[in-house]
Amino acid sequence: METNQVKDESIEINLQELLYVLLRKAWLIILVALICGVGAGVFTEFFITPVYESTSTIYVLSKSTTITSIADLQVGSQLTDDFMVLIKSRPIVETVIGNLELNDISYDEMCSKITLTNPENSRIINITASDPDPEVAKDIADEFAEVTNSQTALIMQADQSSIVQKGVVAQYASSPSLKRNCLIAALIGLLLTCVIIVLVYKLDDRIKSTEDIEKYLQLNTLGSIPIEGDPKEARKKKK
């Protein structure tokens, strides 16, 4: 029981020492965190190209499909899955590229600009386009909805889907997030500074006090002789 108490006391003292060391260097930790946060903000603002998003929505339900039975609902869900695959097929993507005269963009690059989402238990497909130009992003999203509406009817030999809404020109960039980047950089700077301060403290094996002598050398000190410093500093301390 006594040994466990001694261990617990030593652990508690070590934690207190580490906390005291961090508190003494709090100014440095805050300074580094601020520098990292400001640096990330400057880099985000002036060196990262903002990207804008626009979303068009289509509703997948053929005229011959009703919503009066579970079988019809399953057919609608299967059609939605088929649409998700066909939207990024080469015929549709290349048609969009040709219609918008974006001949400098390859098939893979255009696919990377498109994100498809399907809300759960629905026949709705959201076509989200991203681009540095907000108007181009809107044109891409709208054109994909139009081409998908016409091409899938021919490919699947079914009725056309319905366009629920077209894209809107974004006023604000979707990425990068200035606040998020600044916060992440500040947190990283704060954590790294704390880790470095703790490592430097733990690797410093110099004896600085009588407590260190008793702790590391296991010797009792009979007394201590103060080192006389600068007389001017002594007078200042007295004042």
Protein backbone atom coordinates (compact mmCIF):
# COMPACT_ATOMS: atom_id res chain seq x y z
CA MET A 1 0.00 0.00 0.00
CA GLU A 2 2.84 2.39 0.89
CA THR A 3 4.67 1.80 -2.39
CA ASN A 4 1.48 2.51 -4.36
CA GLN A 5 0.99 5.75 -2.46
CA VAL A 6 4.58 6.79 -3.20
CA LYS A 7 4.09 6.07 -6.90
CA ASP A 8 0.85 8.04 -6.99
CA GLU A 9 2.51 10.98 -5.24
CA SER A 10 5.44 10.95 -7.70
CA ILE A 11 3.08 10.87 -10.68
CA GLU A 12 1.05 13.74 -9.26
CA ILE A 13 4.20 15.78 -8.68
CA ASN A 14 5.41 15.14 -12.23
CA LEU A 15 2.11 16.26 -13.68
CA GLN A 16 2.19 19.38 -11.56
CA GLU A 17 5.72 20.12 -12.71
CA LEU A 18 4.76 19.70 -16.36
CA LEU A 19 1.74 21.97 -15.89
CA TYR A 20 3.93 24.56 -14.20
CA VAL A 21 6.45 24.40 -17.05
CA LEU A 22 3.70 24.87 -19.64
CA LEU A 23 2.24 27.78 -17.70
CA ARG A 24 5.63 29.48 -17.56
CA LYS A 25 5.87 29.12 -21.35
CA ALA A 26 2.26 30.10 -21.99
CA TRP A 27 3.35 33.26 -23.80
CA LEU A 28 5.42 31.20 -26.23
CA ILE A 29 2.60 28.69 -26.81
CA ILE A 30 0.09 31.46 -27.54
CA LEU A 31 2.56 33.29 -29.78
CA VAL A 32 3.29 30.21 -31.90
CA ALA A 33 -0.42 29.39 -32.17
CA LEU A 34 -1.15 32.93 -33.36
CA ILE A 35 1.68 32.84 -35.89
CA CYS A 36 0.50 29.50 -37.28
CA GLY A 37 -3.11 30.67 -37.46
CA VAL A 38 -2.22 33.95 -39.20
CA GLY A 39 0.17 32.16 -41.55
CA ALA A 40 -2.51 29.65 -42.53
CA GLY A 41 -4.96 32.50 -43.10
CA VAL A 42 -2.55 34.38 -45.36
CA PHE A 43 -1.72 31.22 -47.30
CA THR A 44 -5.41 30.34 -47.70
CA GLU A 45 -6.38 33.85 -48.78
CA PHE A 46 -3.61 34.50 -51.31
CA PHE A 47 -2.27 31.13 -52.48
CA ILE A 48 -5.25 28.75 -52.62
CA THR A 49 -7.76 29.08 -55.46
CA PRO A 50 -11.33 29.24 -54.12
CA VAL A 51 -13.81 26.70 -55.47
CA TYR A 52 -17.53 27.38 -55.94
CA GLU A 53 -20.36 24.85 -56.07
CA SER A 54 -23.73 24.76 -57.78
CA THR A 55 -26.36 22.04 -57.56
CA SER A 56 -29.06 20.90 -59.97
CA THR A 57 -31.69 18.39 -58.90
CA ILE A 58 -33.52 15.79 -60.97
CA TYR A 59 -36.43 13.57 -60.02
CA VAL A 60 -36.24 9.99 -61.31
CA LEU A 61 -39.74 8.67 -61.92
CA SER A 62 -41.05 7.51 -65.27
CA LYS A 63 -44.64 8.18 -66.27
CA SER A 64 -45.38 4.49 -66.35
CA THR A 65 -44.25 4.09 -62.74
CA THR A 66 -46.73 4.84 -60.01
CA ILE A 67 -46.26 5.04 -56.27
CA THR A 68 -49.20 2.79 -55.36
CA SER A 69 -47.25 -0.34 -54.50
CA ILE A 70 -44.01 -1.52 -52.94
CA ALA A 71 -42.98 -3.02 -56.30
CA ASP A 72 -43.27 0.37 -57.94
CA LEU A 73 -41.14 1.91 -55.18
CA GLN A 74 -38.46 -0.72 -55.74
CA VAL A 75 -38.50 -0.02 -59.47
CA GLY A 76 -38.02 3.68 -58.75
CA SER A 77 -35.07 2.95 -56.46
CA GLN A 78 -33.44 0.74 -59.09
CA LEU A 79 -33.89 3.47 -61.69
CA THR A 80 -32.18 5.93 -59.34
CA ASP A 81 -29.18 3.61 -58.99
CA ASP A 82 -29.02 3.26 -62.77
CA PHE A 83 -29.12 7.03 -63.19
CA MET A 84 -26.27 7.46 -60.70
CA VAL A 85 -24.10 5.24 -62.91
CA LEU A 86 -25.21 6.68 -66.25
CA ILE A 87 -24.67 10.32 -65.29
CA LYS A 88 -20.91 9.77 -65.17
CA SER A 89 -20.82 7.56 -68.24
CA ARG A 90 -18.58 8.70 -71.08
CA PRO A 91 -21.40 9.54 -73.58
CA ILE A 92 -23.10 11.92 -71.17
CA VAL A 93 -19.89 13.49 -69.86
CA GLU A 94 -18.46 14.04 -73.35
CA THR A 95 -21.79 15.50 -74.52
CA VAL A 96 -21.68 18.01 -71.64
CA ILE A 97 -18.09 18.93 -72.51
CA GLY A 98 -19.02 19.48 -76.15
CA ASN A 99 -22.17 21.48 -75.41
CA LEU A 100 -20.30 23.83 -73.07
CA GLU A 101 -17.27 23.98 -75.40
CA LEU A 102 -14.95 22.99 -72.57
CA ASN A 103 -12.64 21.11 -74.89
CA ASP A 104 -9.59 21.70 -72.68
CA ILE A 105 -11.16 19.53 -69.95
CA SER A 106 -10.74 15.77 -70.18
CA TYR A 107 -13.31 13.15 -69.27
CA ASP A 108 -11.60 12.37 -65.94
CA GLU A 109 -11.30 16.05 -65.03
CA MET A 110 -14.98 16.63 -65.70
CA CYS A 111 -15.94 13.61 -63.60
CA SER A 112 -13.85 14.99 -60.73
CA LYS A 113 -15.89 18.21 -60.88
CA ILE A 114 -19.16 16.33 -60.37
CA THR A 115 -20.55 14.96 -57.12
CA LEU A 116 -23.75 12.91 -57.08
CA THR A 117 -25.88 12.47 -53.98
CA ASN A 118 -29.12 10.61 -53.46
CA PRO A 119 -31.10 11.37 -50.28
CA GLU A 120 -32.11 8.18 -48.52
CA ASN A 121 -35.40 6.58 -49.59
CA SER A 122 -35.93 9.05 -52.42
CA ARG A 123 -35.75 9.21 -56.21
CA ILE A 124 -33.99 12.57 -56.15
CA ILE A 125 -30.45 12.97 -57.46
CA ASN A 126 -28.46 16.08 -56.66
CA ILE A 127 -25.83 16.93 -59.28
CA THR A 128 -23.25 19.22 -57.69
CA ALA A 129 -20.59 20.82 -59.88
CA SER A 130 -17.49 22.56 -58.52
CA ASP A 131 -15.26 25.04 -60.34
CA PRO A 132 -13.14 28.13 -59.61
CA ASP A 133 -15.66 30.12 -61.68
CA PRO A 134 -19.12 30.15 -60.03
CA GLU A 135 -20.91 30.69 -63.36
CA VAL A 136 -19.08 27.76 -64.97
CA ALA A 137 -20.06 25.58 -62.00
CA LYS A 138 -23.72 26.52 -62.53
CA ASP A 139 -23.51 25.85 -66.28
CA ILE A 140 -21.95 22.42 -65.70
CA ALA A 141 -24.59 21.40 -63.16
CA ASP A 142 -27.45 22.58 -65.38
CA GLU A 143 -26.03 20.95 -68.51
CA PHE A 144 -25.59 17.63 -66.73
CA ALA A 145 -29.23 17.77 -65.66
CA GLU A 146 -30.37 18.57 -69.21
CA VAL A 147 -28.19 15.95 -70.91
CA THR A 148 -29.07 13.33 -68.30
CA ASN A 149 -32.75 14.08 -68.81
CA SER A 150 -32.55 13.46 -72.55
CA GLN A 151 -29.80 10.84 -72.90
CA THR A 152 -30.99 8.44 -70.21
CA ALA A 153 -34.44 8.34 -71.82
CA LEU A 154 -32.83 7.12 -75.05
CA ILE A 155 -30.38 4.75 -73.38
CA MET A 156 -32.91 3.17 -71.02
CA GLN A 157 -35.86 3.49 -73.44
CA ALA A 158 -37.93 5.10 -70.73
CA ASP A 159 -39.66 8.39 -70.08
CA GLN A 160 -37.58 11.42 -69.26
CA SER A 161 -36.86 12.35 -65.68
CA SER A 162 -37.95 15.71 -64.30
CA ILE A 163 -35.65 18.61 -63.47
CA VAL A 164 -36.70 19.80 -60.02
CA GLN A 165 -34.42 22.82 -59.86
CA LYS A 166 -31.47 24.27 -61.68
CA GLY A 167 -28.25 25.50 -60.19
CA VAL A 168 -27.66 28.91 -58.68
CA VAL A 169 -24.54 31.05 -59.08
CA ALA A 170 -22.75 30.77 -55.73
CA GLN A 171 -21.89 34.01 -53.95
CA TYR A 172 -19.39 32.44 -51.58
CA ALA A 173 -16.71 29.81 -52.10
CA SER A 174 -17.37 26.35 -50.71
CA SER A 175 -13.67 25.73 -50.17
CA PRO A 176 -11.21 26.43 -48.75
CA SER A 177 -12.60 27.47 -45.38
CA LEU A 178 -10.54 30.35 -43.99
CA LYS A 179 -11.78 29.93 -40.41
CA ARG A 180 -11.28 26.17 -40.39
CA ASN A 181 -7.74 26.37 -41.81
CA CYS A 182 -6.76 29.07 -39.31
CA LEU A 183 -8.20 27.09 -36.40
CA ILE A 184 -6.53 23.84 -37.46
CA ALA A 185 -3.15 25.53 -37.96
CA ALA A 186 -3.40 27.29 -34.59
CA LEU A 187 -4.24 24.02 -32.82
CA ILE A 188 -1.37 22.21 -34.53
CA GLY A 189 1.04 24.98 -33.56
CA LEU A 190 -0.22 24.92 -29.97
CA LEU A 191 0.11 21.12 -29.65
CA LEU A 192 3.55 20.98 -31.27
CA THR A 193 4.84 23.77 -29.03
CA CYS A 194 3.55 21.98 -25.92
CA VAL A 195 5.16 18.71 -27.02
CA ILE A 196 8.52 20.40 -27.71
CA ILE A 197 8.48 22.24 -24.38
CA VAL A 198 7.72 19.00 -22.49
CA LEU A 199 10.44 17.09 -24.36
CA VAL A 200 13.04 19.77 -23.70
CA TYR A 201 12.08 19.79 -20.03
CA LYS A 202 12.20 16.00 -19.69
CA LEU A 203 15.53 15.71 -21.52
CA ASP A 204 17.12 18.39 -19.35
CA ASP A 205 18.91 16.37 -16.65
CA ARG A 206 20.67 19.28 -14.96
CA ILE A 207 20.29 19.63 -11.19
CA LYS A 208 18.77 22.97 -10.33
CA SER A 209 17.56 22.66 -6.72
CA THR A 210 17.93 20.70 -3.52
CA GLU A 211 14.79 18.81 -4.42
CA ASP A 212 16.50 17.55 -7.58
CA ILE A 213 19.44 16.30 -5.47
CA GLU A 214 17.14 14.33 -3.21
CA LYS A 215 15.08 13.09 -6.15
CA TYR A 216 17.81 11.99 -8.57
CA LEU A 217 20.86 11.37 -6.33
CA GLN A 218 18.90 10.24 -3.27
CA LEU A 219 21.12 12.35 -1.00
CA ASN A 220 20.07 14.66 1.78
CA THR A 221 21.30 18.22 1.60
CA LEU A 222 22.69 19.72 4.78
CA GLY A 223 22.66 23.28 3.54
CA SER A 224 22.96 25.55 0.54
CA ILE A 225 25.38 28.37 -0.25
CA PRO A 226 23.82 31.18 -2.29
CA ILE A 227 25.88 32.53 -5.19
CA GLU A 228 26.40 36.23 -4.90
CA GLY A 229 25.11 37.98 -7.97
CA ASP A 230 25.41 41.46 -9.32
CA PRO A 231 25.20 44.04 -6.48
CA LYS A 232 23.01 46.28 -8.61
CA GLU A 233 20.49 43.53 -9.13
CA ALA A 234 20.53 42.78 -5.39
CA ARG A 235 19.73 46.39 -4.61
CA LYS A 236 16.87 46.37 -7.10
CA LYS A 237 15.44 43.26 -5.48
CA LYS A 238 15.68 44.88 -2.03
CA LYS A 239 13.88 47.99 -3.30
